[in-house]
Amino acid sequence: QVQLVESGGGLVQAGGSLRLSCVSSGRTFSMYDMGWFRQAPGKERDFVAAISRRGDTYYGDSVKGRFSISMDNAKNTVYLQMNSMKPEDTAVYYCAAVPKYTSRSYYDRTSYDYWGQGTQVTVSS
């Protein structure tokens, strides 16, 4: 069982930055690759970024060049650094875990076995 808790959300002006954190409890964190998704009101939960145990990173088209995902194994934590933020980045952000070395698609939310409760990010114009 993997429990995920996100933090770091809040209100930021357009052009600003935020860093989200996702801490995993339990001893099995090292067995999972990690992803971030976001969901705006009335919309689907969309892929934002993912990172594998090998260090490979993947990004959604709308965040490439602005967001960066990283992982600290010693702290059982995955981060999402968000820069040059836009009002359309406003959403609830979720972290999620998928078994490492998976053949599943990182971009597909149905690939992930565990989810956090989410943290609200609001970008004002």
N, C-alpha and C. Protein backbone atom coordinates (compact mmCIF):
# COMPACT_ATOMS: atom_id res chain seq x y z
N GLN A 1 0.84 -1.18 0.00
CA GLN A 1 0.00 0.00 0.00
C GLN A 1 0.88 1.24 0.00
N VAL A 2 0.54 2.19 -0.82
CA VAL A 2 1.28 3.45 -0.91
C VAL A 2 0.31 4.59 -0.61
N GLN A 3 0.67 5.43 0.34
CA GLN A 3 -0.13 6.61 0.64
C GLN A 3 0.63 7.84 0.19
N LEU A 4 -0.06 8.73 -0.51
CA LEU A 4 0.56 9.90 -1.11
C LEU A 4 -0.11 11.15 -0.57
N VAL A 5 0.68 12.13 -0.18
CA VAL A 5 0.15 13.38 0.35
C VAL A 5 0.84 14.55 -0.37
N GLU A 6 0.03 15.34 -1.07
CA GLU A 6 0.54 16.50 -1.79
C GLU A 6 0.51 17.75 -0.90
N SER A 7 1.40 18.67 -1.19
CA SER A 7 1.41 19.98 -0.53
C SER A 7 2.07 20.99 -1.45
N GLY A 8 1.94 22.27 -1.07
CA GLY A 8 2.61 23.32 -1.84
C GLY A 8 1.71 24.12 -2.75
N GLY A 9 0.44 23.74 -2.83
CA GLY A 9 -0.46 24.49 -3.68
C GLY A 9 -0.78 25.85 -3.07
N GLY A 10 -1.47 26.68 -3.85
CA GLY A 10 -1.83 28.00 -3.37
C GLY A 10 -2.19 28.93 -4.50
N LEU A 11 -2.21 30.21 -4.19
CA LEU A 11 -2.54 31.25 -5.15
C LEU A 11 -1.27 31.95 -5.61
N VAL A 12 -1.11 32.10 -6.90
CA VAL A 12 0.07 32.75 -7.46
C VAL A 12 -0.36 33.60 -8.65
N GLN A 13 0.36 34.68 -8.89
CA GLN A 13 0.06 35.51 -10.05
C GLN A 13 0.66 34.91 -11.31
N ALA A 14 0.06 35.25 -12.42
CA ALA A 14 0.59 34.79 -13.71
C ALA A 14 2.06 35.20 -13.83
N GLY A 15 2.87 34.27 -14.33
CA GLY A 15 4.30 34.50 -14.44
C GLY A 15 5.08 34.05 -13.23
N GLY A 16 4.39 33.73 -12.15
CA GLY A 16 5.04 33.30 -10.92
C GLY A 16 5.37 31.82 -10.91
N SER A 17 5.85 31.35 -9.75
CA SER A 17 6.29 29.97 -9.59
C SER A 17 5.72 29.35 -8.32
N LEU A 18 5.58 28.05 -8.35
CA LEU A 18 5.22 27.25 -7.19
C LEU A 18 5.97 25.93 -7.29
N ARG A 19 6.22 25.32 -6.13
CA ARG A 19 6.77 23.97 -6.11
C ARG A 19 5.85 23.08 -5.29
N LEU A 20 5.35 22.05 -5.94
CA LEU A 20 4.52 21.07 -5.28
C LEU A 20 5.38 19.91 -4.78
N SER A 21 4.98 19.35 -3.66
CA SER A 21 5.65 18.18 -3.11
C SER A 21 4.64 17.07 -2.92
N CYS A 22 5.10 15.86 -3.04
CA CYS A 22 4.27 14.68 -2.81
C CYS A 22 5.10 13.70 -2.01
N VAL A 23 4.68 13.47 -0.77
CA VAL A 23 5.41 12.57 0.12
C VAL A 23 4.68 11.24 0.18
N SER A 24 5.47 10.17 0.08
CA SER A 24 4.91 8.83 0.16
C SER A 24 5.26 8.18 1.48
N SER A 25 4.27 7.58 2.09
CA SER A 25 4.52 6.80 3.30
C SER A 25 4.70 5.34 2.92
N GLY A 26 5.30 4.59 3.77
CA GLY A 26 5.51 3.18 3.48
C GLY A 26 6.90 2.92 2.94
N ARG A 27 7.28 1.67 2.89
CA ARG A 27 8.62 1.27 2.50
C ARG A 27 8.75 0.94 1.03
N THR A 28 7.63 1.07 0.28
CA THR A 28 7.63 0.61 -1.10
C THR A 28 7.77 1.72 -2.12
N PHE A 29 8.11 2.93 -1.65
CA PHE A 29 8.21 4.05 -2.57
C PHE A 29 9.17 3.75 -3.72
N SER A 30 10.26 3.06 -3.42
CA SER A 30 11.28 2.79 -4.43
C SER A 30 10.81 1.83 -5.51
N MET A 31 9.65 1.22 -5.31
CA MET A 31 9.13 0.29 -6.29
C MET A 31 8.24 0.96 -7.34
N TYR A 32 8.10 2.27 -7.22
CA TYR A 32 7.16 2.98 -8.08
C TYR A 32 7.81 4.13 -8.83
N ASP A 33 7.36 4.31 -10.06
CA ASP A 33 7.57 5.55 -10.80
C ASP A 33 6.44 6.49 -10.42
N MET A 34 6.65 7.79 -10.63
CA MET A 34 5.70 8.76 -10.13
C MET A 34 5.23 9.72 -11.22
N GLY A 35 4.00 10.17 -11.06
CA GLY A 35 3.45 11.12 -12.02
C GLY A 35 2.65 12.21 -11.34
N TRP A 36 2.44 13.29 -12.09
CA TRP A 36 1.56 14.38 -11.67
C TRP A 36 0.48 14.55 -12.72
N PHE A 37 -0.74 14.74 -12.25
CA PHE A 37 -1.88 15.03 -13.11
C PHE A 37 -2.58 16.27 -12.55
N ARG A 38 -3.46 16.85 -13.34
CA ARG A 38 -4.24 17.98 -12.85
C ARG A 38 -5.64 17.92 -13.42
N GLN A 39 -6.56 18.49 -12.67
CA GLN A 39 -7.96 18.49 -13.09
C GLN A 39 -8.58 19.84 -12.79
N ALA A 40 -9.01 20.51 -13.84
CA ALA A 40 -9.73 21.77 -13.71
C ALA A 40 -11.22 21.48 -13.61
N PRO A 41 -12.00 22.39 -13.04
CA PRO A 41 -13.44 22.16 -12.90
C PRO A 41 -14.11 21.83 -14.23
N GLY A 42 -14.87 20.76 -14.24
CA GLY A 42 -15.61 20.37 -15.44
C GLY A 42 -14.78 19.73 -16.52
N LYS A 43 -13.50 19.44 -16.22
CA LYS A 43 -12.63 18.87 -17.23
C LYS A 43 -12.07 17.53 -16.78
N GLU A 44 -11.45 16.83 -17.74
CA GLU A 44 -10.82 15.56 -17.43
C GLU A 44 -9.54 15.76 -16.62
N ARG A 45 -9.12 14.69 -15.97
CA ARG A 45 -7.84 14.71 -15.25
C ARG A 45 -6.73 14.47 -16.28
N ASP A 46 -5.88 15.46 -16.46
CA ASP A 46 -4.89 15.44 -17.53
C ASP A 46 -3.47 15.19 -17.01
N PHE A 47 -2.69 14.55 -17.84
CA PHE A 47 -1.29 14.27 -17.53
C PHE A 47 -0.48 15.56 -17.51
N VAL A 48 0.40 15.69 -16.51
CA VAL A 48 1.29 16.84 -16.43
C VAL A 48 2.74 16.40 -16.61
N ALA A 49 3.19 15.46 -15.79
CA ALA A 49 4.58 15.04 -15.85
C ALA A 49 4.73 13.69 -15.16
N ALA A 50 5.81 12.98 -15.50
CA ALA A 50 6.13 11.72 -14.85
C ALA A 50 7.64 11.55 -14.81
N ILE A 51 8.09 10.74 -13.84
CA ILE A 51 9.51 10.45 -13.72
C ILE A 51 9.66 8.98 -13.38
N SER A 52 10.61 8.33 -14.05
CA SER A 52 10.87 6.92 -13.80
C SER A 52 12.03 6.77 -12.83
N ARG A 53 12.21 5.55 -12.31
CA ARG A 53 13.33 5.26 -11.41
C ARG A 53 14.66 5.38 -12.14
N ARG A 54 14.63 5.26 -13.45
CA ARG A 54 15.85 5.42 -14.24
C ARG A 54 16.20 6.89 -14.45
N GLY A 55 15.26 7.77 -14.05
CA GLY A 55 15.51 9.20 -14.21
C GLY A 55 14.94 9.80 -15.48
N ASP A 56 14.24 9.00 -16.26
CA ASP A 56 13.60 9.53 -17.45
C ASP A 56 12.41 10.40 -17.05
N THR A 57 12.23 11.50 -17.75
CA THR A 57 11.11 12.39 -17.45
C THR A 57 10.23 12.58 -18.68
N TYR A 58 8.97 12.85 -18.43
CA TYR A 58 7.96 12.98 -19.47
C TYR A 58 7.06 14.16 -19.09
N TYR A 59 6.65 14.95 -20.10
CA TYR A 59 5.85 16.13 -19.83
C TYR A 59 4.69 16.25 -20.82
N GLY A 60 3.59 16.81 -20.32
CA GLY A 60 2.51 17.16 -21.22
C GLY A 60 2.91 18.35 -22.08
N ASP A 61 2.34 18.45 -23.25
CA ASP A 61 2.73 19.51 -24.19
C ASP A 61 2.53 20.90 -23.61
N SER A 62 1.49 21.08 -22.82
CA SER A 62 1.16 22.42 -22.32
C SER A 62 2.12 22.91 -21.24
N VAL A 63 2.95 22.03 -20.68
CA VAL A 63 3.84 22.43 -19.59
C VAL A 63 5.32 22.30 -19.95
N LYS A 64 5.62 21.74 -21.11
CA LYS A 64 7.02 21.57 -21.51
C LYS A 64 7.76 22.90 -21.50
N GLY A 65 8.94 22.88 -20.91
CA GLY A 65 9.74 24.09 -20.84
C GLY A 65 9.41 24.99 -19.66
N ARG A 66 8.31 24.70 -18.97
CA ARG A 66 7.91 25.53 -17.82
C ARG A 66 7.93 24.74 -16.51
N PHE A 67 7.54 23.47 -16.57
CA PHE A 67 7.46 22.63 -15.37
C PHE A 67 8.62 21.63 -15.37
N SER A 68 9.00 21.23 -14.16
CA SER A 68 10.08 20.25 -14.02
C SER A 68 9.75 19.29 -12.89
N ILE A 69 9.87 17.99 -13.16
CA ILE A 69 9.60 16.97 -12.16
C ILE A 69 10.93 16.40 -11.66
N SER A 70 10.99 16.12 -10.36
CA SER A 70 12.19 15.53 -9.78
C SER A 70 11.79 14.64 -8.61
N MET A 71 12.75 13.84 -8.16
CA MET A 71 12.47 12.86 -7.11
C MET A 71 13.62 12.83 -6.12
N ASP A 72 13.30 12.76 -4.84
CA ASP A 72 14.30 12.60 -3.78
C ASP A 72 14.00 11.30 -3.06
N ASN A 73 14.75 10.26 -3.39
CA ASN A 73 14.47 8.94 -2.83
C ASN A 73 14.68 8.90 -1.32
N ALA A 74 15.65 9.64 -0.83
CA ALA A 74 15.92 9.63 0.61
C ALA A 74 14.75 10.20 1.41
N LYS A 75 13.99 11.08 0.78
CA LYS A 75 12.86 11.72 1.46
C LYS A 75 11.52 11.15 1.00
N ASN A 76 11.56 10.12 0.15
CA ASN A 76 10.31 9.53 -0.39
C ASN A 76 9.40 10.60 -0.98
N THR A 77 9.99 11.52 -1.71
CA THR A 77 9.25 12.69 -2.18
C THR A 77 9.48 12.93 -3.66
N VAL A 78 8.42 13.31 -4.34
CA VAL A 78 8.51 13.75 -5.72
C VAL A 78 8.04 15.21 -5.77
N TYR A 79 8.71 16.00 -6.60
CA TYR A 79 8.43 17.43 -6.68
C TYR A 79 7.95 17.81 -8.08
N LEU A 80 7.18 18.88 -8.13
CA LEU A 80 6.83 19.48 -9.41
C LEU A 80 7.11 20.98 -9.30
N GLN A 81 8.17 21.42 -9.96
CA GLN A 81 8.50 22.83 -10.00
C GLN A 81 7.78 23.47 -11.16
N MET A 82 6.98 24.49 -10.87
CA MET A 82 6.16 25.13 -11.88
C MET A 82 6.59 26.58 -12.03
N ASN A 83 7.06 26.94 -13.20
CA ASN A 83 7.52 28.29 -13.49
C ASN A 83 6.69 28.90 -14.61
N SER A 84 6.78 30.21 -14.74
CA SER A 84 6.07 30.94 -15.81
C SER A 84 4.61 30.50 -15.88
N MET A 85 4.00 30.52 -14.75
CA MET A 85 2.65 29.96 -14.65
C MET A 85 1.62 30.84 -15.35
N LYS A 86 0.57 30.16 -15.82
CA LYS A 86 -0.49 30.82 -16.58
C LYS A 86 -1.84 30.55 -15.91
N PRO A 87 -2.82 31.40 -16.14
CA PRO A 87 -4.15 31.14 -15.55
C PRO A 87 -4.70 29.77 -15.93
N GLU A 88 -4.37 29.28 -17.11
CA GLU A 88 -4.86 27.96 -17.52
C GLU A 88 -4.19 26.80 -16.78
N ASP A 89 -3.21 27.10 -15.94
CA ASP A 89 -2.62 26.07 -15.07
C ASP A 89 -3.47 25.85 -13.82
N THR A 90 -4.47 26.67 -13.61
CA THR A 90 -5.34 26.54 -12.45
C THR A 90 -6.05 25.20 -12.46
N ALA A 91 -5.89 24.43 -11.38
CA ALA A 91 -6.46 23.10 -11.29
C ALA A 91 -6.13 22.51 -9.92
N VAL A 92 -6.73 21.38 -9.64
CA VAL A 92 -6.28 20.55 -8.52
C VAL A 92 -5.20 19.61 -9.08
N TYR A 93 -4.07 19.58 -8.41
CA TYR A 93 -2.93 18.78 -8.86
C TYR A 93 -2.83 17.53 -7.99
N TYR A 94 -2.67 16.39 -8.66
CA TYR A 94 -2.59 15.10 -7.98
C TYR A 94 -1.27 14.41 -8.32
N CYS A 95 -0.67 13.78 -7.33
CA CYS A 95 0.44 12.89 -7.64
C CYS A 95 -0.08 11.46 -7.62
N ALA A 96 0.62 10.60 -8.32
CA ALA A 96 0.19 9.23 -8.49
C ALA A 96 1.40 8.31 -8.66
N ALA A 97 1.20 7.03 -8.33
CA ALA A 97 2.29 6.05 -8.39
C ALA A 97 1.92 4.91 -9.33
N VAL A 98 2.89 4.52 -10.14
CA VAL A 98 2.75 3.40 -11.08
C VAL A 98 3.95 2.48 -10.87
N PRO A 99 3.78 1.16 -10.91
CA PRO A 99 4.92 0.25 -10.69
C PRO A 99 6.09 0.58 -11.61
N LYS A 100 7.30 0.54 -11.07
CA LYS A 100 8.47 0.89 -11.87
C LYS A 100 8.68 -0.15 -12.96
N TYR A 101 9.40 0.27 -14.00
CA TYR A 101 9.69 -0.57 -15.16
C TYR A 101 8.40 -1.05 -15.82
N THR A 102 7.35 -0.29 -15.67
CA THR A 102 6.07 -0.69 -16.20
C THR A 102 6.03 -0.57 -17.73
N SER A 103 5.16 -1.36 -18.32
CA SER A 103 4.88 -1.22 -19.75
C SER A 103 3.68 -0.32 -19.97
N ARG A 104 3.06 0.10 -18.88
CA ARG A 104 1.91 0.98 -19.00
C ARG A 104 2.36 2.37 -19.45
N SER A 105 1.42 3.10 -20.01
CA SER A 105 1.73 4.46 -20.47
C SER A 105 1.72 5.44 -19.30
N TYR A 106 2.76 6.22 -19.16
CA TYR A 106 2.79 7.26 -18.13
C TYR A 106 1.74 8.32 -18.37
N TYR A 107 1.31 8.48 -19.60
CA TYR A 107 0.39 9.55 -19.97
C TYR A 107 -1.07 9.23 -19.65
N ASP A 108 -1.34 7.98 -19.37
CA ASP A 108 -2.70 7.50 -19.15
C ASP A 108 -2.99 7.39 -17.65
N ARG A 109 -3.98 8.11 -17.19
CA ARG A 109 -4.25 8.11 -15.76
C ARG A 109 -4.68 6.74 -15.25
N THR A 110 -5.21 5.90 -16.11
CA THR A 110 -5.63 4.56 -15.68
C THR A 110 -4.43 3.64 -15.41
N SER A 111 -3.21 4.08 -15.76
CA SER A 111 -2.02 3.27 -15.50
C SER A 111 -1.61 3.29 -14.04
N TYR A 112 -2.06 4.27 -13.31
CA TYR A 112 -1.57 4.51 -11.96
C TYR A 112 -2.41 3.80 -10.91
N ASP A 113 -1.71 3.23 -9.93
CA ASP A 113 -2.38 2.43 -8.91
C ASP A 113 -2.78 3.24 -7.69
N TYR A 114 -2.02 4.27 -7.37
CA TYR A 114 -2.27 5.02 -6.14
C TYR A 114 -2.28 6.51 -6.44
N TRP A 115 -3.15 7.21 -5.71
CA TRP A 115 -3.33 8.65 -5.91
C TRP A 115 -3.35 9.38 -4.58
N GLY A 116 -2.86 10.62 -4.60
CA GLY A 116 -3.04 11.50 -3.46
C GLY A 116 -4.39 12.18 -3.51
N GLN A 117 -4.65 13.01 -2.49
CA GLN A 117 -5.93 13.70 -2.39
C GLN A 117 -5.97 14.99 -3.22
N GLY A 118 -4.82 15.47 -3.63
CA GLY A 118 -4.77 16.65 -4.47
C GLY A 118 -4.49 17.93 -3.70
N THR A 119 -3.94 18.90 -4.40
CA THR A 119 -3.69 20.22 -3.83
C THR A 119 -4.10 21.27 -4.86
N GLN A 120 -4.81 22.30 -4.40
CA GLN A 120 -5.36 23.31 -5.30
C GLN A 120 -4.27 24.32 -5.70
N VAL A 121 -4.20 24.58 -6.98
CA VAL A 121 -3.32 25.62 -7.52
C VAL A 121 -4.18 26.61 -8.29
N THR A 122 -4.07 27.88 -7.93
CA THR A 122 -4.83 28.92 -8.61
C THR A 122 -3.88 29.99 -9.12
N VAL A 123 -3.97 30.29 -10.42
CA VAL A 123 -3.11 31.30 -11.02
C VAL A 123 -3.99 32.47 -11.45
N SER A 124 -3.72 33.64 -10.87
CA SER A 124 -4.52 34.82 -11.19
C SER A 124 -3.88 35.59 -12.34
N SER A 125 -4.73 36.22 -13.14
CA SER A 125 -4.23 36.98 -14.30
C SER A 125 -3.92 38.42 -13.94
